[in-house]
Protein backbone atom coordinates (compact mmCIF):
# COMPACT_ATOMS: atom_id res chain seq x y z
CA UNK A 1 0.00 0.00 0.00
CA UNK A 2 1.48 3.32 1.07
CA UNK A 3 4.92 3.35 2.70
CA UNK A 4 4.99 7.08 3.40
CA UNK A 5 5.33 8.04 7.06
CA UNK A 6 2.34 9.57 8.81
CA UNK A 7 3.23 13.06 10.01
CA UNK A 8 0.88 14.54 12.62
CA UNK A 9 2.36 17.81 13.66
CA UNK A 10 0.41 20.29 15.80
CA UNK A 11 0.59 22.84 12.96
CA UNK A 12 -1.12 20.50 10.52
CA UNK A 13 -3.88 19.78 12.99
CA UNK A 14 -4.31 23.51 13.71
CA UNK A 15 -4.54 24.32 9.99
CA UNK A 16 -7.07 21.51 9.55
CA UNK A 17 -9.21 22.83 12.42
CA UNK A 18 -9.06 26.40 11.07
CA UNK A 19 -9.97 25.18 7.58
CA UNK A 20 -12.96 23.16 8.74
CA UNK A 21 -14.09 26.01 10.98
CA UNK A 22 -13.90 28.36 8.00
CA UNK A 23 -16.07 25.96 5.99
CA UNK A 24 -18.65 24.91 8.57
CA UNK A 25 -19.11 28.00 10.77
CA UNK A 26 -21.15 29.91 8.13
CA UNK A 27 -23.44 26.90 7.68
CA UNK A 28 -23.96 26.65 11.43
CA UNK A 29 -24.71 30.37 11.68
CA UNK A 30 -27.21 30.07 8.82
CA UNK A 31 -29.07 27.32 10.67
CA UNK A 32 -29.06 29.31 13.93
CA UNK A 33 -30.24 32.54 12.28
CA UNK A 34 -33.00 30.70 10.42
CA UNK A 35 -34.80 30.44 13.77
CA UNK A 36 -34.63 34.23 14.37
CA UNK A 37 -38.07 35.79 14.73
CA UNK A 38 -36.96 39.21 13.43
CA UNK A 39 -37.18 40.27 9.78
CA UNK A 40 -33.68 41.73 10.05
CA UNK A 41 -30.79 39.30 10.07
CA UNK A 42 -28.58 41.53 12.19
CA UNK A 43 -31.16 41.99 14.97
CA UNK A 44 -31.77 38.95 17.16
CA UNK A 45 -35.35 38.96 18.46
CA UNK A 46 -35.57 35.46 19.88
CA UNK A 47 -36.16 31.89 18.81
CA UNK A 48 -39.10 31.23 16.52
CA UNK A 49 -40.43 28.84 13.86
CA UNK A 50 -42.13 31.78 12.11
CA UNK A 51 -40.17 31.60 8.87
CA UNK A 52 -40.53 27.83 8.59
CA UNK A 53 -44.30 28.11 9.10
CA UNK A 54 -44.48 30.74 6.36
CA UNK A 55 -42.30 28.58 4.11
CA UNK A 56 -44.54 25.52 4.45
CA UNK A 57 -47.70 27.58 3.85
CA UNK A 58 -46.36 28.96 0.56
CA UNK A 59 -47.90 26.88 -2.25
CA UNK A 60 -45.36 28.08 -4.83
CA UNK A 61 -42.51 26.87 -2.62
CA UNK A 62 -44.14 23.48 -2.06
CA UNK A 63 -44.69 23.17 -5.81
CA UNK A 64 -41.04 24.05 -6.48
CA UNK A 65 -39.83 21.44 -3.99
CA UNK A 66 -42.06 18.81 -5.61
CA UNK A 67 -40.72 19.66 -9.06
CA UNK A 68 -37.12 19.52 -7.77
CA UNK A 69 -37.71 16.08 -6.26
CA UNK A 70 -39.32 14.86 -9.50
CA UNK A 71 -36.35 16.07 -11.56
CA UNK A 72 -33.91 14.54 -9.06
CA UNK A 73 -35.65 11.16 -9.21
CA UNK A 74 -35.78 11.23 -13.02
CA UNK A 75 -32.11 12.16 -13.37
CA UNK A 76 -31.05 9.51 -10.84
CA UNK A 77 -33.05 6.89 -12.72
CA UNK A 78 -31.71 8.01 -16.09
CA UNK A 79 -28.10 8.06 -14.92
CA UNK A 80 -28.40 4.68 -13.21
CA UNK A 81 -29.92 2.93 -16.23
CA UNK A 82 -26.78 2.96 -18.44
CA UNK A 83 -24.83 1.45 -15.56
CA UNK A 84 -26.69 -1.82 -16.01
CA UNK A 85 -27.35 -1.67 -19.76
CA UNK A 86 -23.99 -0.70 -21.27
CA UNK A 87 -20.72 -2.61 -21.03
CA UNK A 88 -18.37 -1.30 -18.39
CA UNK A 89 -15.22 -1.23 -20.62
PDB file of N, CA and C in Angstrom:
ATOM      1  N   UNK A   1       0.823  -1.172   0.000  1.00  0.00           N
ATOM      2  CA  UNK A   1       0.000   0.000   0.000  1.00  0.00           C
ATOM      3  C   UNK A   1       0.873   1.244   0.000  1.00  0.00           C
ATOM      4  N   UNK A   2       0.766   2.058   1.015  1.00  0.00           N
ATOM      5  CA  UNK A   2       1.485   3.321   1.071  1.00  0.00           C
ATOM      6  C   UNK A   2       2.560   3.228   2.146  1.00  0.00           C
ATOM      7  N   UNK A   3       3.814   3.439   1.753  1.00  0.00           N
ATOM      8  CA  UNK A   3       4.919   3.352   2.697  1.00  0.00           C
ATOM      9  C   UNK A   3       5.359   4.711   3.218  1.00  0.00           C
ATOM     10  N   UNK A   4       4.628   5.759   2.924  1.00  0.00           N
ATOM     11  CA  UNK A   4       4.991   7.083   3.402  1.00  0.00           C
ATOM     12  C   UNK A   4       4.709   7.196   4.898  1.00  0.00           C
ATOM     13  N   UNK A   5       5.571   7.889   5.622  1.00  0.00           N
ATOM     14  CA  UNK A   5       5.329   8.039   7.061  1.00  0.00           C
ATOM     15  C   UNK A   5       4.161   8.991   7.333  1.00  0.00           C
ATOM     16  N   UNK A   6       3.449   8.715   8.400  1.00  0.00           N
ATOM     17  CA  UNK A   6       2.338   9.566   8.809  1.00  0.00           C
ATOM     18  C   UNK A   6       2.894  10.676   9.697  1.00  0.00           C
ATOM     19  N   UNK A   7       2.723  11.918   9.259  1.00  0.00           N
ATOM     20  CA  UNK A   7       3.232  13.060  10.011  1.00  0.00           C
ATOM     21  C   UNK A   7       2.047  13.809  10.609  1.00  0.00           C
ATOM     22  N   UNK A   8       1.975  13.835  11.935  1.00  0.00           N
ATOM     23  CA  UNK A   8       0.884  14.543  12.617  1.00  0.00           C
ATOM     24  C   UNK A   8       1.483  15.629  13.499  1.00  0.00           C
ATOM     25  N   UNK A   9       1.807  16.711  12.881  1.00  0.00           N
ATOM     26  CA  UNK A   9       2.361  17.814  13.662  1.00  0.00           C
ATOM     27  C   UNK A   9       1.221  18.687  14.184  1.00  0.00           C
ATOM     28  N   UNK A  10       1.457  19.403  15.266  1.00  0.00           N
ATOM     29  CA  UNK A  10       0.409  20.294  15.796  1.00  0.00           C
ATOM     30  C   UNK A  10      -0.004  21.371  14.801  1.00  0.00           C
ATOM     31  N   UNK A  11       0.925  21.810  13.954  1.00  0.00           N
ATOM     32  CA  UNK A  11       0.590  22.837  12.964  1.00  0.00           C
ATOM     33  C   UNK A  11      -0.391  22.308  11.930  1.00  0.00           C
ATOM     34  N   UNK A  12      -0.192  21.082  11.499  1.00  0.00           N
ATOM     35  CA  UNK A  12      -1.119  20.501  10.517  1.00  0.00           C
ATOM     36  C   UNK A  12      -2.519  20.363  11.106  1.00  0.00           C
ATOM     37  N   UNK A  13      -2.585  19.930  12.338  1.00  0.00           N
ATOM     38  CA  UNK A  13      -3.883  19.781  12.989  1.00  0.00           C
ATOM     39  C   UNK A  13      -4.544  21.146  13.172  1.00  0.00           C
ATOM     40  N   UNK A  14      -3.759  22.161  13.537  1.00  0.00           N
ATOM     41  CA  UNK A  14      -4.310  23.513  13.708  1.00  0.00           C
ATOM     42  C   UNK A  14      -4.841  24.060  12.386  1.00  0.00           C
ATOM     43  N   UNK A  15      -4.090  23.860  11.308  1.00  0.00           N
ATOM     44  CA  UNK A  15      -4.538  24.324   9.991  1.00  0.00           C
ATOM     45  C   UNK A  15      -5.804  23.585   9.573  1.00  0.00           C
ATOM     46  N   UNK A  16      -5.877  22.296   9.875  1.00  0.00           N
ATOM     47  CA  UNK A  16      -7.067  21.515   9.555  1.00  0.00           C
ATOM     48  C   UNK A  16      -8.284  22.026  10.325  1.00  0.00           C
ATOM     49  N   UNK A  17      -8.102  22.316  11.595  1.00  0.00           N
ATOM     50  CA  UNK A  17      -9.208  22.833  12.415  1.00  0.00           C
ATOM     51  C   UNK A  17      -9.657  24.200  11.914  1.00  0.00           C
ATOM     52  N   UNK A  18      -8.709  25.070  11.593  1.00  0.00           N
ATOM     53  CA  UNK A  18      -9.057  26.400  11.072  1.00  0.00           C
ATOM     54  C   UNK A  18      -9.790  26.271   9.738  1.00  0.00           C
ATOM     55  N   UNK A  19      -9.326  25.378   8.882  1.00  0.00           N
ATOM     56  CA  UNK A  19      -9.971  25.182   7.582  1.00  0.00           C
ATOM     57  C   UNK A  19     -11.398  24.682   7.712  1.00  0.00           C
ATOM     58  N   UNK A  20     -11.604  23.673   8.556  1.00  0.00           N
ATOM     59  CA  UNK A  20     -12.956  23.157   8.738  1.00  0.00           C
ATOM     60  C   UNK A  20     -13.862  24.171   9.434  1.00  0.00           C
ATOM     61  N   UNK A  21     -13.307  24.950  10.346  1.00  0.00           N
ATOM     62  CA  UNK A  21     -14.093  26.011  10.981  1.00  0.00           C
ATOM     63  C   UNK A  21     -14.512  27.048   9.952  1.00  0.00           C
ATOM     64  N   UNK A  22     -13.595  27.401   9.062  1.00  0.00           N
ATOM     65  CA  UNK A  22     -13.897  28.361   8.000  1.00  0.00           C
ATOM     66  C   UNK A  22     -15.008  27.840   7.090  1.00  0.00           C
ATOM     67  N   UNK A  23     -15.045  26.533   6.858  1.00  0.00           N
ATOM     68  CA  UNK A  23     -16.067  25.957   5.988  1.00  0.00           C
ATOM     69  C   UNK A  23     -17.417  25.780   6.686  1.00  0.00           C
ATOM     70  N   UNK A  24     -17.406  25.303   7.925  1.00  0.00           N
ATOM     71  CA  UNK A  24     -18.649  24.906   8.569  1.00  0.00           C
ATOM     72  C   UNK A  24     -19.278  25.974   9.462  1.00  0.00           C
ATOM     73  N   UNK A  25     -18.532  26.952   9.913  1.00  0.00           N
ATOM     74  CA  UNK A  25     -19.106  28.003  10.766  1.00  0.00           C
ATOM     75  C   UNK A  25     -20.209  28.796  10.058  1.00  0.00           C
ATOM     76  N   UNK A  26     -20.042  29.199   8.794  1.00  0.00           N
ATOM     77  CA  UNK A  26     -21.153  29.907   8.133  1.00  0.00           C
ATOM     78  C   UNK A  26     -22.416  29.063   8.001  1.00  0.00           C
ATOM     79  N   UNK A  27     -22.264  27.763   7.773  1.00  0.00           N
ATOM     80  CA  UNK A  27     -23.439  26.902   7.683  1.00  0.00           C
ATOM     81  C   UNK A  27     -24.147  26.802   9.029  1.00  0.00           C
ATOM     82  N   UNK A  28     -23.380  26.706  10.094  1.00  0.00           N
ATOM     83  CA  UNK A  28     -23.964  26.652  11.425  1.00  0.00           C
ATOM     84  C   UNK A  28     -24.677  27.955  11.766  1.00  0.00           C
ATOM     85  N   UNK A  29     -24.078  29.073  11.416  1.00  0.00           N
ATOM     86  CA  UNK A  29     -24.710  30.371  11.675  1.00  0.00           C
ATOM     87  C   UNK A  29     -26.001  30.523  10.863  1.00  0.00           C
ATOM     88  N   UNK A  30     -26.006  30.010   9.646  1.00  0.00           N
ATOM     89  CA  UNK A  30     -27.208  30.066   8.824  1.00  0.00           C
ATOM     90  C   UNK A  30     -28.348  29.288   9.470  1.00  0.00           C
ATOM     91  N   UNK A  31     -28.047  28.119  10.002  1.00  0.00           N
ATOM     92  CA  UNK A  31     -29.073  27.325  10.675  1.00  0.00           C
ATOM     93  C   UNK A  31     -29.569  28.043  11.922  1.00  0.00           C
ATOM     94  N   UNK A  32     -28.655  28.606  12.702  1.00  0.00           N
ATOM     95  CA  UNK A  32     -29.057  29.313  13.927  1.00  0.00           C
ATOM     96  C   UNK A  32     -29.917  30.529  13.592  1.00  0.00           C
ATOM     97  N   UNK A  33     -29.488  31.327  12.617  1.00  0.00           N
ATOM     98  CA  UNK A  33     -30.242  32.538  12.278  1.00  0.00           C
ATOM     99  C   UNK A  33     -31.548  32.232  11.542  1.00  0.00           C
ATOM    100  N   UNK A  34     -31.722  31.024  11.054  1.00  0.00           N
ATOM    101  CA  UNK A  34     -32.999  30.698  10.419  1.00  0.00           C
ATOM    102  C   UNK A  34     -34.126  30.606  11.442  1.00  0.00           C
ATOM    103  N   UNK A  35     -33.794  30.479  12.715  1.00  0.00           N
ATOM    104  CA  UNK A  35     -34.799  30.442  13.773  1.00  0.00           C
ATOM    105  C   UNK A  35     -35.023  31.805  14.413  1.00  0.00           C
ATOM    106  N   UNK A  36     -34.455  32.871  13.853  1.00  0.00           N
ATOM    107  CA  UNK A  36     -34.631  34.226  14.367  1.00  0.00           C
ATOM    108  C   UNK A  36     -36.037  34.717  14.029  1.00  0.00           C
ATOM    109  N   UNK A  37     -36.700  35.327  14.983  1.00  0.00           N
ATOM    110  CA  UNK A  37     -38.068  35.795  14.731  1.00  0.00           C
ATOM    111  C   UNK A  37     -38.114  37.176  14.088  1.00  0.00           C
ATOM    112  N   UNK A  38     -36.996  37.869  14.011  1.00  0.00           N
ATOM    113  CA  UNK A  38     -36.958  39.210  13.432  1.00  0.00           C
ATOM    114  C   UNK A  38     -36.858  39.139  11.908  1.00  0.00           C
ATOM    115  N   UNK A  39     -37.345  40.182  11.234  1.00  0.00           N
ATOM    116  CA  UNK A  39     -37.183  40.269   9.784  1.00  0.00           C
ATOM    117  C   UNK A  39     -35.763  40.642   9.400  1.00  0.00           C
ATOM    118  N   UNK A  40     -35.062  41.315  10.303  1.00  0.00           N
ATOM    119  CA  UNK A  40     -33.685  41.728  10.045  1.00  0.00           C
ATOM    120  C   UNK A  40     -32.725  40.645  10.525  1.00  0.00           C
ATOM    121  N   UNK A  41     -31.754  40.343   9.711  1.00  0.00           N
ATOM    122  CA  UNK A  41     -30.794  39.303  10.069  1.00  0.00           C
ATOM    123  C   UNK A  41     -29.886  39.758  11.200  1.00  0.00           C
ATOM    124  N   UNK A  42     -29.546  41.038  11.214  1.00  0.00           N
ATOM    125  CA  UNK A  42     -28.585  41.533  12.194  1.00  0.00           C
ATOM    126  C   UNK A  42     -29.178  41.757  13.572  1.00  0.00           C
ATOM    127  N   UNK A  43     -30.504  41.752  13.679  1.00  0.00           N
ATOM    128  CA  UNK A  43     -31.159  41.988  14.968  1.00  0.00           C
ATOM    129  C   UNK A  43     -31.737  40.664  15.458  1.00  0.00           C
ATOM    130  N   UNK A  44     -31.246  40.197  16.598  1.00  0.00           N
ATOM    131  CA  UNK A  44     -31.768  38.952  17.156  1.00  0.00           C
ATOM    132  C   UNK A  44     -32.974  39.278  18.029  1.00  0.00           C
ATOM    133  N   UNK A  45     -34.122  38.680  17.709  1.00  0.00           N
ATOM    134  CA  UNK A  45     -35.345  38.964  18.456  1.00  0.00           C
ATOM    135  C   UNK A  45     -35.852  37.751  19.223  1.00  0.00           C
ATOM    136  N   UNK A  46     -35.154  36.657  19.152  1.00  0.00           N
ATOM    137  CA  UNK A  46     -35.572  35.462  19.880  1.00  0.00           C
ATOM    138  C   UNK A  46     -35.770  34.279  18.948  1.00  0.00           C
ATOM    139  N   UNK A  47     -35.981  33.138  19.562  1.00  0.00           N
ATOM    140  CA  UNK A  47     -36.163  31.894  18.814  1.00  0.00           C
ATOM    141  C   UNK A  47     -37.598  31.787  18.317  1.00  0.00           C
ATOM    142  N   UNK A  48     -37.761  31.331  17.084  1.00  0.00           N
ATOM    143  CA  UNK A  48     -39.099  31.228  16.521  1.00  0.00           C
ATOM    144  C   UNK A  48     -39.082  30.282  15.321  1.00  0.00           C
ATOM    145  N   UNK A  49     -40.230  29.652  15.062  1.00  0.00           N
ATOM    146  CA  UNK A  49     -40.427  28.844  13.860  1.00  0.00           C
ATOM    147  C   UNK A  49     -41.208  29.623  12.802  1.00  0.00           C
ATOM    148  N   UNK A  50     -41.290  30.936  12.965  1.00  0.00           N
ATOM    149  CA  UNK A  50     -42.128  31.781  12.112  1.00  0.00           C
ATOM    150  C   UNK A  50     -41.811  31.605  10.632  1.00  0.00           C
ATOM    151  N   UNK A  51     -40.545  31.651  10.280  1.00  0.00           N
ATOM    152  CA  UNK A  51     -40.174  31.601   8.865  1.00  0.00           C
ATOM    153  C   UNK A  51     -40.396  30.214   8.276  1.00  0.00           C
ATOM    154  N   UNK A  52     -40.247  29.174   9.087  1.00  0.00           N
ATOM    155  CA  UNK A  52     -40.529  27.828   8.593  1.00  0.00           C
ATOM    156  C   UNK A  52     -42.025  27.625   8.386  1.00  0.00           C
ATOM    157  N   UNK A  53     -42.841  28.198   9.262  1.00  0.00           N
ATOM    158  CA  UNK A  53     -44.295  28.108   9.097  1.00  0.00           C
ATOM    159  C   UNK A  53     -44.721  28.828   7.821  1.00  0.00           C
ATOM    160  N   UNK A  54     -44.155  30.017   7.592  1.00  0.00           N
ATOM    161  CA  UNK A  54     -44.475  30.740   6.356  1.00  0.00           C
ATOM    162  C   UNK A  54     -43.984  29.985   5.123  1.00  0.00           C
ATOM    163  N   UNK A  55     -42.854  29.345   5.232  1.00  0.00           N
ATOM    164  CA  UNK A  55     -42.303  28.584   4.113  1.00  0.00           C
ATOM    165  C   UNK A  55     -43.214  27.425   3.732  1.00  0.00           C
ATOM    166  N   UNK A  56     -43.709  26.687   4.732  1.00  0.00           N
ATOM    167  CA  UNK A  56     -44.541  25.523   4.449  1.00  0.00           C
ATOM    168  C   UNK A  56     -45.976  25.888   4.088  1.00  0.00           C
ATOM    169  N   UNK A  57     -46.379  27.135   4.289  1.00  0.00           N
ATOM    170  CA  UNK A  57     -47.696  27.580   3.855  1.00  0.00           C
ATOM    171  C   UNK A  57     -47.669  28.235   2.475  1.00  0.00           C
ATOM    172  N   UNK A  58     -46.511  28.353   1.881  1.00  0.00           N
ATOM    173  CA  UNK A  58     -46.364  28.964   0.561  1.00  0.00           C
ATOM    174  C   UNK A  58     -46.527  27.876  -0.504  1.00  0.00           C
ATOM    175  N   UNK A  59     -47.614  27.936  -1.263  1.00  0.00           N
ATOM    176  CA  UNK A  59     -47.898  26.884  -2.245  1.00  0.00           C
ATOM    177  C   UNK A  59     -46.892  26.879  -3.390  1.00  0.00           C
ATOM    178  N   UNK A  60     -46.368  28.032  -3.764  1.00  0.00           N
ATOM    179  CA  UNK A  60     -45.361  28.077  -4.827  1.00  0.00           C
ATOM    180  C   UNK A  60     -44.081  27.367  -4.391  1.00  0.00           C
ATOM    181  N   UNK A  61     -43.710  27.524  -3.132  1.00  0.00           N
ATOM    182  CA  UNK A  61     -42.507  26.867  -2.624  1.00  0.00           C
ATOM    183  C   UNK A  61     -42.698  25.355  -2.561  1.00  0.00           C
ATOM    184  N   UNK A  62     -43.855  24.911  -2.120  1.00  0.00           N
ATOM    185  CA  UNK A  62     -44.145  23.479  -2.062  1.00  0.00           C
ATOM    186  C   UNK A  62     -44.141  22.892  -3.468  1.00  0.00           C
ATOM    187  N   UNK A  63     -44.690  23.615  -4.426  1.00  0.00           N
ATOM    188  CA  UNK A  63     -44.689  23.169  -5.815  1.00  0.00           C
ATOM    189  C   UNK A  63     -43.266  23.083  -6.362  1.00  0.00           C
ATOM    190  N   UNK A  64     -42.426  24.055  -6.021  1.00  0.00           N
ATOM    191  CA  UNK A  64     -41.037  24.052  -6.480  1.00  0.00           C
ATOM    192  C   UNK A  64     -40.259  22.882  -5.884  1.00  0.00           C
ATOM    193  N   UNK A  65     -40.502  22.576  -4.626  1.00  0.00           N
ATOM    194  CA  UNK A  65     -39.832  21.436  -3.991  1.00  0.00           C
ATOM    195  C   UNK A  65     -40.276  20.131  -4.643  1.00  0.00           C
ATOM    196  N   UNK A  66     -41.563  20.011  -4.933  1.00  0.00           N
ATOM    197  CA  UNK A  66     -42.060  18.815  -5.614  1.00  0.00           C
ATOM    198  C   UNK A  66     -41.447  18.642  -6.989  1.00  0.00           C
ATOM    199  N   UNK A  67     -41.336  19.728  -7.739  1.00  0.00           N
ATOM    200  CA  UNK A  67     -40.716  19.665  -9.058  1.00  0.00           C
ATOM    201  C   UNK A  67     -39.238  19.297  -8.949  1.00  0.00           C
ATOM    202  N   UNK A  68     -38.538  19.847  -7.974  1.00  0.00           N
ATOM    203  CA  UNK A  68     -37.124  19.521  -7.775  1.00  0.00           C
ATOM    204  C   UNK A  68     -36.939  18.045  -7.448  1.00  0.00           C
ATOM    205  N   UNK A  69     -37.801  17.497  -6.600  1.00  0.00           N
ATOM    206  CA  UNK A  69     -37.706  16.077  -6.265  1.00  0.00           C
ATOM    207  C   UNK A  69     -38.032  15.190  -7.458  1.00  0.00           C
ATOM    208  N   UNK A  70     -38.988  15.613  -8.287  1.00  0.00           N
ATOM    209  CA  UNK A  70     -39.315  14.857  -9.496  1.00  0.00           C
ATOM    210  C   UNK A  70     -38.137  14.841 -10.461  1.00  0.00           C
ATOM    211  N   UNK A  71     -37.513  15.990 -10.676  1.00  0.00           N
ATOM    212  CA  UNK A  71     -36.350  16.070 -11.563  1.00  0.00           C
ATOM    213  C   UNK A  71     -35.192  15.257 -10.998  1.00  0.00           C
ATOM    214  N   UNK A  72     -34.985  15.306  -9.682  1.00  0.00           N
ATOM    215  CA  UNK A  72     -33.905  14.535  -9.059  1.00  0.00           C
ATOM    216  C   UNK A  72     -34.128  13.039  -9.234  1.00  0.00           C
ATOM    217  N   UNK A  73     -35.353  12.578  -9.046  1.00  0.00           N
ATOM    218  CA  UNK A  73     -35.647  11.158  -9.214  1.00  0.00           C
ATOM    219  C   UNK A  73     -35.479  10.727 -10.665  1.00  0.00           C
ATOM    220  N   UNK A  74     -35.922  11.568 -11.598  1.00  0.00           N
ATOM    221  CA  UNK A  74     -35.780  11.232 -13.016  1.00  0.00           C
ATOM    222  C   UNK A  74     -34.316  11.194 -13.438  1.00  0.00           C
ATOM    223  N   UNK A  75     -33.523  12.150 -12.982  1.00  0.00           N
ATOM    224  CA  UNK A  75     -32.109  12.156 -13.370  1.00  0.00           C
ATOM    225  C   UNK A  75     -31.349  11.007 -12.716  1.00  0.00           C
ATOM    226  N   UNK A  76     -31.697  10.646 -11.482  1.00  0.00           N
ATOM    227  CA  UNK A  76     -31.046   9.505 -10.836  1.00  0.00           C
ATOM    228  C   UNK A  76     -31.396   8.206 -11.549  1.00  0.00           C
ATOM    229  N   UNK A  77     -32.641   8.081 -11.972  1.00  0.00           N
ATOM    230  CA  UNK A  77     -33.050   6.891 -12.715  1.00  0.00           C
ATOM    231  C   UNK A  77     -32.375   6.841 -14.075  1.00  0.00           C
ATOM    232  N   UNK A  78     -32.332   7.970 -14.766  1.00  0.00           N
ATOM    233  CA  UNK A  78     -31.714   8.011 -16.094  1.00  0.00           C
ATOM    234  C   UNK A  78     -30.211   7.775 -16.029  1.00  0.00           C
ATOM    235  N   UNK A  79     -29.546   8.257 -15.012  1.00  0.00           N
ATOM    236  CA  UNK A  79     -28.103   8.058 -14.924  1.00  0.00           C
ATOM    237  C   UNK A  79     -27.763   6.662 -14.421  1.00  0.00           C
ATOM    238  N   UNK A  80     -28.655   6.024 -13.695  1.00  0.00           N
ATOM    239  CA  UNK A  80     -28.397   4.675 -13.214  1.00  0.00           C
ATOM    240  C   UNK A  80     -28.701   3.611 -14.240  1.00  0.00           C
ATOM    241  N   UNK A  81     -29.554   3.911 -15.210  1.00  0.00           N
ATOM    242  CA  UNK A  81     -29.923   2.929 -16.227  1.00  0.00           C
ATOM    243  C   UNK A  81     -28.745   2.494 -17.096  1.00  0.00           C
ATOM    244  N   UNK A  82     -27.920   3.401 -17.621  1.00  0.00           N
ATOM    245  CA  UNK A  82     -26.783   2.959 -18.439  1.00  0.00           C
ATOM    246  C   UNK A  82     -25.780   2.116 -17.661  1.00  0.00           C
ATOM    247  N   UNK A  83     -25.762   2.236 -16.366  1.00  0.00           N
ATOM    248  CA  UNK A  83     -24.829   1.449 -15.558  1.00  0.00           C
ATOM    249  C   UNK A  83     -25.097  -0.038 -15.725  1.00  0.00           C
ATOM    250  N   UNK A  84     -26.334  -0.420 -15.895  1.00  0.00           N
ATOM    251  CA  UNK A  84     -26.686  -1.825 -16.013  1.00  0.00           C
ATOM    252  C   UNK A  84     -26.927  -2.258 -17.456  1.00  0.00           C
ATOM    253  N   UNK A  85     -27.055  -1.329 -18.385  1.00  0.00           N
ATOM    254  CA  UNK A  85     -27.351  -1.675 -19.764  1.00  0.00           C
ATOM    255  C   UNK A  85     -26.116  -1.703 -20.659  1.00  0.00           C
ATOM    256  N   UNK A  86     -25.160  -0.822 -20.407  1.00  0.00           N
ATOM    257  CA  UNK A  86     -23.994  -0.701 -21.269  1.00  0.00           C
ATOM    258  C   UNK A  86     -22.805  -1.456 -20.684  1.00  0.00           C
ATOM    259  N   UNK A  87     -21.913  -1.938 -21.553  1.00  0.00           N
ATOM    260  CA  UNK A  87     -20.721  -2.611 -21.029  1.00  0.00           C
ATOM    261  C   UNK A  87     -19.831  -1.637 -20.261  1.00  0.00           C
ATOM    262  N   UNK A  88     -19.177  -2.159 -19.258  1.00  0.00           N
ATOM    263  CA  UNK A  88     -18.367  -1.301 -18.387  1.00  0.00           C
ATOM    264  C   UNK A  88     -17.125  -0.801 -19.107  1.00  0.00           C
ATOM    265  N   UNK A  89     -16.379  -1.643 -19.818  1.00  0.00           N
ATOM    266  CA  UNK A  89     -15.223  -1.233 -20.619  1.00  0.00           C
ATOM    267  C   UNK A  89     -15.036  -2.152 -21.768  1.00  0.00           C
TER     268      UNK A  89
END
